[in-house]
PDB file of N, CA and C in Angstrom:
ATOM      1  N   MET A   1      30.111  15.807 -15.427  1.00  0.00           N
ATOM      2  CA  MET A   1      30.465  14.409 -15.338  1.00  0.00           C
ATOM      3  C   MET A   1      30.570  13.959 -13.879  1.00  0.00           C
ATOM      4  N   ASN A   2      30.978  14.866 -12.997  1.00  0.00           N
ATOM      5  CA  ASN A   2      31.125  14.494 -11.593  1.00  0.00           C
ATOM      6  C   ASN A   2      29.787  14.200 -10.931  1.00  0.00           C
ATOM      7  N   ILE A   3      28.721  14.792 -11.437  1.00  0.00           N
ATOM      8  CA  ILE A   3      27.407  14.553 -10.852  1.00  0.00           C
ATOM      9  C   ILE A   3      26.962  13.104 -11.037  1.00  0.00           C
ATOM     10  N   VAL A   4      27.468  12.439 -12.050  1.00  0.00           N
ATOM     11  CA  VAL A   4      27.135  11.026 -12.286  1.00  0.00           C
ATOM     12  C   VAL A   4      27.599  10.172 -11.118  1.00  0.00           C
ATOM     13  N   PHE A   5      28.728  10.525 -10.519  1.00  0.00           N
ATOM     14  CA  PHE A   5      29.240   9.763  -9.380  1.00  0.00           C
ATOM     15  C   PHE A   5      28.358   9.927  -8.149  1.00  0.00           C
ATOM     16  N   LEU A   6      27.553  10.938  -8.123  1.00  0.00           N
ATOM     17  CA  LEU A   6      26.593  11.118  -7.044  1.00  0.00           C
ATOM     18  C   LEU A   6      25.240  10.497  -7.391  1.00  0.00           C
ATOM     19  N   LEU A   7      24.798  10.656  -8.630  1.00  0.00           N
ATOM     20  CA  LEU A   7      23.460  10.209  -9.007  1.00  0.00           C
ATOM     21  C   LEU A   7      23.332   8.694  -9.102  1.00  0.00           C
ATOM     22  N   ILE A   8      24.356   8.012  -9.539  1.00  0.00           N
ATOM     23  CA  ILE A   8      24.270   6.546  -9.666  1.00  0.00           C
ATOM     24  C   ILE A   8      24.126   5.888  -8.282  1.00  0.00           C
ATOM     25  N   PRO A   9      24.977   6.190  -7.303  1.00  0.00           N
ATOM     26  CA  PRO A   9      24.749   5.584  -5.976  1.00  0.00           C
ATOM     27  C   PRO A   9      23.427   6.016  -5.345  1.00  0.00           C
ATOM     28  N   LEU A  10      23.036   7.257  -5.550  1.00  0.00           N
ATOM     29  CA  LEU A  10      21.767   7.723  -5.008  1.00  0.00           C
ATOM     30  C   LEU A  10      20.600   6.955  -5.610  1.00  0.00           C
ATOM     31  N   SER A  11      20.638   6.693  -6.897  1.00  0.00           N
ATOM     32  CA  SER A  11      19.557   5.935  -7.525  1.00  0.00           C
ATOM     33  C   SER A  11      19.545   4.486  -7.052  1.00  0.00           C
ATOM     34  N   ILE A  12      20.694   3.918  -6.783  1.00  0.00           N
ATOM     35  CA  ILE A  12      20.752   2.547  -6.271  1.00  0.00           C
ATOM     36  C   ILE A  12      20.171   2.487  -4.856  1.00  0.00           C
ATOM     37  N   VAL A  13      20.475   3.486  -4.048  1.00  0.00           N
ATOM     38  CA  VAL A  13      19.918   3.537  -2.692  1.00  0.00           C
ATOM     39  C   VAL A  13      18.404   3.698  -2.749  1.00  0.00           C
ATOM     40  N   LEU A  14      17.902   4.562  -3.601  1.00  0.00           N
ATOM     41  CA  LEU A  14      16.450   4.745  -3.729  1.00  0.00           C
ATOM     42  C   LEU A  14      15.766   3.484  -4.244  1.00  0.00           C
ATOM     43  N   LEU A  15      16.405   2.777  -5.151  1.00  0.00           N
ATOM     44  CA  LEU A  15      15.862   1.509  -5.630  1.00  0.00           C
ATOM     45  C   LEU A  15      15.802   0.496  -4.498  1.00  0.00           C
ATOM     46  N   ALA A  16      16.833   0.431  -3.684  1.00  0.00           N
ATOM     47  CA  ALA A  16      16.844  -0.500  -2.557  1.00  0.00           C
ATOM     48  C   ALA A  16      15.738  -0.169  -1.559  1.00  0.00           C
ATOM     49  N   VAL A  17      15.511   1.102  -1.306  1.00  0.00           N
ATOM     50  CA  VAL A  17      14.435   1.510  -0.398  1.00  0.00           C
ATOM     51  C   VAL A  17      13.071   1.135  -0.972  1.00  0.00           C
ATOM     52  N   ALA A  18      12.888   1.313  -2.258  1.00  0.00           N
ATOM     53  CA  ALA A  18      11.619   0.964  -2.892  1.00  0.00           C
ATOM     54  C   ALA A  18      11.369  -0.544  -2.841  1.00  0.00           C
ATOM     55  N   VAL A  19      12.390  -1.329  -3.082  1.00  0.00           N
ATOM     56  CA  VAL A  19      12.243  -2.790  -3.023  1.00  0.00           C
ATOM     57  C   VAL A  19      11.940  -3.218  -1.597  1.00  0.00           C
ATOM     58  N   TRP A  20      12.625  -2.612  -0.621  1.00  0.00           N
ATOM     59  CA  TRP A  20      12.365  -2.937   0.779  1.00  0.00           C
ATOM     60  C   TRP A  20      10.927  -2.576   1.154  1.00  0.00           C
ATOM     61  N   ALA A  21      10.454  -1.411   0.725  1.00  0.00           N
ATOM     62  CA  ALA A  21       9.096  -0.987   1.046  1.00  0.00           C
ATOM     63  C   ALA A  21       8.060  -1.919   0.416  1.00  0.00           C
ATOM     64  N   PHE A  22       8.326  -2.390  -0.782  1.00  0.00           N
ATOM     65  CA  PHE A  22       7.401  -3.318  -1.428  1.00  0.00           C
ATOM     66  C   PHE A  22       7.313  -4.631  -0.651  1.00  0.00           C
ATOM     67  N   PHE A  23       8.450  -5.202  -0.292  1.00  0.00           N
ATOM     68  CA  PHE A  23       8.421  -6.462   0.444  1.00  0.00           C
ATOM     69  C   PHE A  23       7.867  -6.284   1.850  1.00  0.00           C
ATOM     70  N   TRP A  24       8.069  -5.121   2.453  1.00  0.00           N
ATOM     71  CA  TRP A  24       7.478  -4.830   3.757  1.00  0.00           C
ATOM     72  C   TRP A  24       5.950  -4.810   3.642  1.00  0.00           C
ATOM     73  N   ALA A  25       5.438  -4.186   2.596  1.00  0.00           N
ATOM     74  CA  ALA A  25       3.994  -4.113   2.391  1.00  0.00           C
ATOM     75  C   ALA A  25       3.399  -5.484   2.115  1.00  0.00           C
ATOM     76  N   VAL A  26       4.097  -6.293   1.346  1.00  0.00           N
ATOM     77  CA  VAL A  26       3.612  -7.652   1.080  1.00  0.00           C
ATOM     78  C   VAL A  26       3.600  -8.465   2.368  1.00  0.00           C
ATOM     79  N   ASP A  27       4.629  -8.315   3.188  1.00  0.00           N
ATOM     80  CA  ASP A  27       4.714  -9.055   4.439  1.00  0.00           C
ATOM     81  C   ASP A  27       3.622  -8.636   5.413  1.00  0.00           C
ATOM     82  N   ARG A  28       3.227  -7.366   5.386  1.00  0.00           N
ATOM     83  CA  ARG A  28       2.183  -6.862   6.281  1.00  0.00           C
ATOM     84  C   ARG A  28       0.782  -7.153   5.766  1.00  0.00           C
ATOM     85  N   GLY A  29       0.639  -7.728   4.575  1.00  0.00           N
ATOM     86  CA  GLY A  29      -0.671  -8.102   4.060  1.00  0.00           C
ATOM     87  C   GLY A  29      -1.407  -6.987   3.348  1.00  0.00           C
ATOM     88  N   GLN A  30      -0.711  -6.007   2.829  1.00  0.00           N
ATOM     89  CA  GLN A  30      -1.363  -4.889   2.169  1.00  0.00           C
ATOM     90  C   GLN A  30      -2.005  -5.286   0.843  1.00  0.00           C
ATOM     91  N   PHE A  31      -1.557  -6.365   0.240  1.00  0.00           N
ATOM     92  CA  PHE A  31      -2.061  -6.771  -1.075  1.00  0.00           C
ATOM     93  C   PHE A  31      -2.881  -8.052  -1.006  1.00  0.00           C
ATOM     94  N   ASP A  32      -3.362  -8.420   0.185  1.00  0.00           N
ATOM     95  CA  ASP A  32      -4.108  -9.660   0.333  1.00  0.00           C
ATOM     96  C   ASP A  32      -5.465  -9.610  -0.340  1.00  0.00           C
ATOM     97  N   ASP A  33      -6.211  -8.532  -0.153  1.00  0.00           N
ATOM     98  CA  ASP A  33      -7.568  -8.446  -0.693  1.00  0.00           C
ATOM     99  C   ASP A  33      -7.704  -7.129  -1.456  1.00  0.00           C
ATOM    100  N   LEU A  34      -7.595  -7.205  -2.762  1.00  0.00           N
ATOM    101  CA  LEU A  34      -7.667  -6.005  -3.581  1.00  0.00           C
ATOM    102  C   LEU A  34      -9.061  -5.738  -4.131  1.00  0.00           C
ATOM    103  N   ASP A  35      -9.957  -6.732  -4.093  1.00  0.00           N
ATOM    104  CA  ASP A  35     -11.272  -6.588  -4.704  1.00  0.00           C
ATOM    105  C   ASP A  35     -12.337  -6.070  -3.747  1.00  0.00           C
ATOM    106  N   THR A  36     -12.305  -6.461  -2.496  1.00  0.00           N
ATOM    107  CA  THR A  36     -13.365  -6.101  -1.563  1.00  0.00           C
ATOM    108  C   THR A  36     -13.512  -4.596  -1.368  1.00  0.00           C
ATOM    109  N   PRO A  37     -12.438  -3.827  -1.161  1.00  0.00           N
ATOM    110  CA  PRO A  37     -12.650  -2.386  -0.974  1.00  0.00           C
ATOM    111  C   PRO A  37     -13.302  -1.702  -2.175  1.00  0.00           C
ATOM    112  N   ALA A  38     -13.063  -2.198  -3.370  1.00  0.00           N
ATOM    113  CA  ALA A  38     -13.674  -1.595  -4.554  1.00  0.00           C
ATOM    114  C   ALA A  38     -15.172  -1.890  -4.614  1.00  0.00           C
ATOM    115  N   TRP A  39     -15.580  -3.055  -4.156  1.00  0.00           N
ATOM    116  CA  TRP A  39     -17.001  -3.409  -4.200  1.00  0.00           C
ATOM    117  C   TRP A  39     -17.760  -2.884  -2.989  1.00  0.00           C
ATOM    118  N   ARG A  40     -17.061  -2.611  -1.890  1.00  0.00           N
ATOM    119  CA  ARG A  40     -17.728  -2.169  -0.667  1.00  0.00           C
ATOM    120  C   ARG A  40     -18.461  -0.839  -0.869  1.00  0.00           C
ATOM    121  N   ILE A  41     -17.941   0.016  -1.715  1.00  0.00           N
ATOM    122  CA  ILE A  41     -18.565   1.318  -1.925  1.00  0.00           C
ATOM    123  C   ILE A  41     -19.915   1.178  -2.629  1.00  0.00           C
ATOM    124  N   LEU A  42     -20.145   0.094  -3.348  1.00  0.00           N
ATOM    125  CA  LEU A  42     -21.390  -0.097  -4.088  1.00  0.00           C
ATOM    126  C   LEU A  42     -22.498  -0.722  -3.244  1.00  0.00           C
ATOM    127  N   GLU A  43     -22.144  -1.284  -2.109  1.00  0.00           N
ATOM    128  CA  GLU A  43     -23.133  -1.940  -1.268  1.00  0.00           C
ATOM    129  C   GLU A  43     -23.932  -0.902  -0.472  1.00  0.00           C
ATOM    130  N   ASP A  44     -25.189  -1.242  -0.219  1.00  0.00           N
ATOM    131  CA  ASP A  44     -26.018  -0.386   0.620  1.00  0.00           C
ATOM    132  C   ASP A  44     -25.568  -0.530   2.067  1.00  0.00           C
ATOM    133  N   GLU A  45     -25.738   0.546   2.798  1.00  0.00           N
ATOM    134  CA  GLU A  45     -25.397   0.479   4.207  1.00  0.00           C
ATOM    135  C   GLU A  45     -26.454  -0.332   4.945  1.00  0.00           C
ATOM    136  N   GLU A  46     -26.009  -1.045   5.944  1.00  0.00           N
ATOM    137  CA  GLU A  46     -26.940  -1.831   6.740  1.00  0.00           C
ATOM    138  C   GLU A  46     -27.747  -0.892   7.629  1.00  0.00           C
ATOM    139  N   PRO A  47     -29.036  -1.209   7.834  1.00  0.00           N
ATOM    140  CA  PRO A  47     -29.846  -0.349   8.712  1.00  0.00           C
ATOM    141  C   PRO A  47     -29.312  -0.424  10.141  1.00  0.00           C
ATOM    142  N   PRO A  48     -29.442   0.659  10.877  1.00  0.00           N
ATOM    143  CA  PRO A  48     -28.961   0.631  12.272  1.00  0.00           C
ATOM    144  C   PRO A  48     -29.762  -0.361  13.095  1.00  0.00           C
ATOM    145  N   GLU A  49     -29.089  -1.030  14.010  1.00  0.00           N
ATOM    146  CA  GLU A  49     -29.775  -2.003  14.855  1.00  0.00           C
ATOM    147  C   GLU A  49     -30.599  -1.283  15.909  1.00  0.00           C
ATOM    148  N   GLU A  50     -31.802  -1.831  16.146  1.00  0.00           N
ATOM    149  CA  GLU A  50     -32.653  -1.226  17.163  1.00  0.00           C
ATOM    150  C   GLU A  50     -32.253  -1.777  18.532  1.00  0.00           C
ATOM    151  N   ARG A  51     -32.207  -0.881  19.500  1.00  0.00           N
ATOM    152  CA  ARG A  51     -31.838  -1.290  20.843  1.00  0.00           C
ATOM    153  C   ARG A  51     -33.095  -1.615  21.641  1.00  0.00           C
ATOM    154  N   ALA A  52     -33.001  -2.652  22.408  1.00  0.00           N
ATOM    155  CA  ALA A  52     -34.132  -3.046  23.278  1.00  0.00           C
ATOM    156  C   ALA A  52     -34.135  -2.158  24.519  1.00  0.00           C
ATOM    157  N   PRO A  53     -35.327  -1.668  24.908  1.00  0.00           N
ATOM    158  CA  PRO A  53     -35.378  -0.804  26.114  1.00  0.00           C
ATOM    159  C   PRO A  53     -35.214  -1.577  27.384  1.00  0.00           C
TER     160      PRO A  53
END
Protein backbone atom coordinates (compact mmCIF):
# COMPACT_ATOMS: atom_id res chain seq x y z
CA MET A 1 0.00 0.00 0.00
CA ASN A 2 2.90 2.36 0.69
CA ILE A 3 4.10 2.07 -2.90
CA VAL A 4 0.91 3.83 -4.04
CA PHE A 5 2.12 6.99 -2.29
CA LEU A 6 5.18 6.89 -4.51
CA LEU A 7 3.59 5.78 -7.78
CA ILE A 8 0.76 8.33 -7.90
CA PRO A 9 3.02 11.43 -7.65
CA LEU A 10 5.52 9.82 -10.01
CA SER A 11 2.82 9.22 -12.61
CA ILE A 12 1.61 12.81 -12.28
CA VAL A 13 5.15 14.09 -12.82
CA LEU A 14 5.59 11.87 -15.89
CA LEU A 15 2.26 13.07 -17.27
CA ALA A 16 3.33 16.68 -16.79
CA VAL A 17 6.61 16.01 -18.61
CA ALA A 18 4.76 14.36 -21.49
CA VAL A 19 2.32 17.27 -21.81
CA TRP A 20 5.21 19.75 -21.71
CA ALA A 21 7.10 17.80 -24.39
CA PHE A 22 4.02 17.73 -26.63
CA PHE A 23 3.47 21.49 -26.40
CA TRP A 24 7.20 22.10 -26.89
CA ALA A 25 7.10 20.05 -30.10
CA VAL A 26 4.02 21.87 -31.35
CA ASP A 27 5.65 25.22 -30.60
CA ARG A 28 8.81 24.20 -32.51
CA GLY A 29 6.77 23.24 -35.59
CA GLN A 30 7.30 19.48 -35.48
CA PHE A 31 3.73 18.79 -36.65
CA ASP A 32 3.44 21.48 -39.33
CA ASP A 33 3.90 19.26 -42.39
CA LEU A 34 3.09 15.60 -41.91
CA ASP A 35 2.42 14.67 -45.55
CA THR A 36 5.51 15.83 -47.44
CA PRO A 37 8.08 13.49 -45.83
CA ALA A 38 5.89 10.49 -46.65
CA TRP A 39 5.61 11.46 -50.32
CA ARG A 40 9.24 12.55 -50.69
CA ILE A 41 10.46 8.95 -50.65
CA LEU A 42 8.35 8.16 -53.75
CA GLU A 43 9.75 10.97 -55.88
CA ASP A 44 12.62 10.40 -58.28
CA GLU A 45 15.86 12.06 -57.44
CA GLU A 46 16.73 15.10 -59.49
CA PRO A 47 19.62 14.62 -61.93
CA PRO A 48 22.87 16.23 -60.80
CA GLU A 49 23.46 19.68 -62.22
CA GLU A 50 26.20 19.96 -64.81
CA ARG A 51 28.93 22.43 -64.01
CA ALA A 52 30.16 24.84 -66.65
CA PRO A 53 33.93 24.63 -67.29
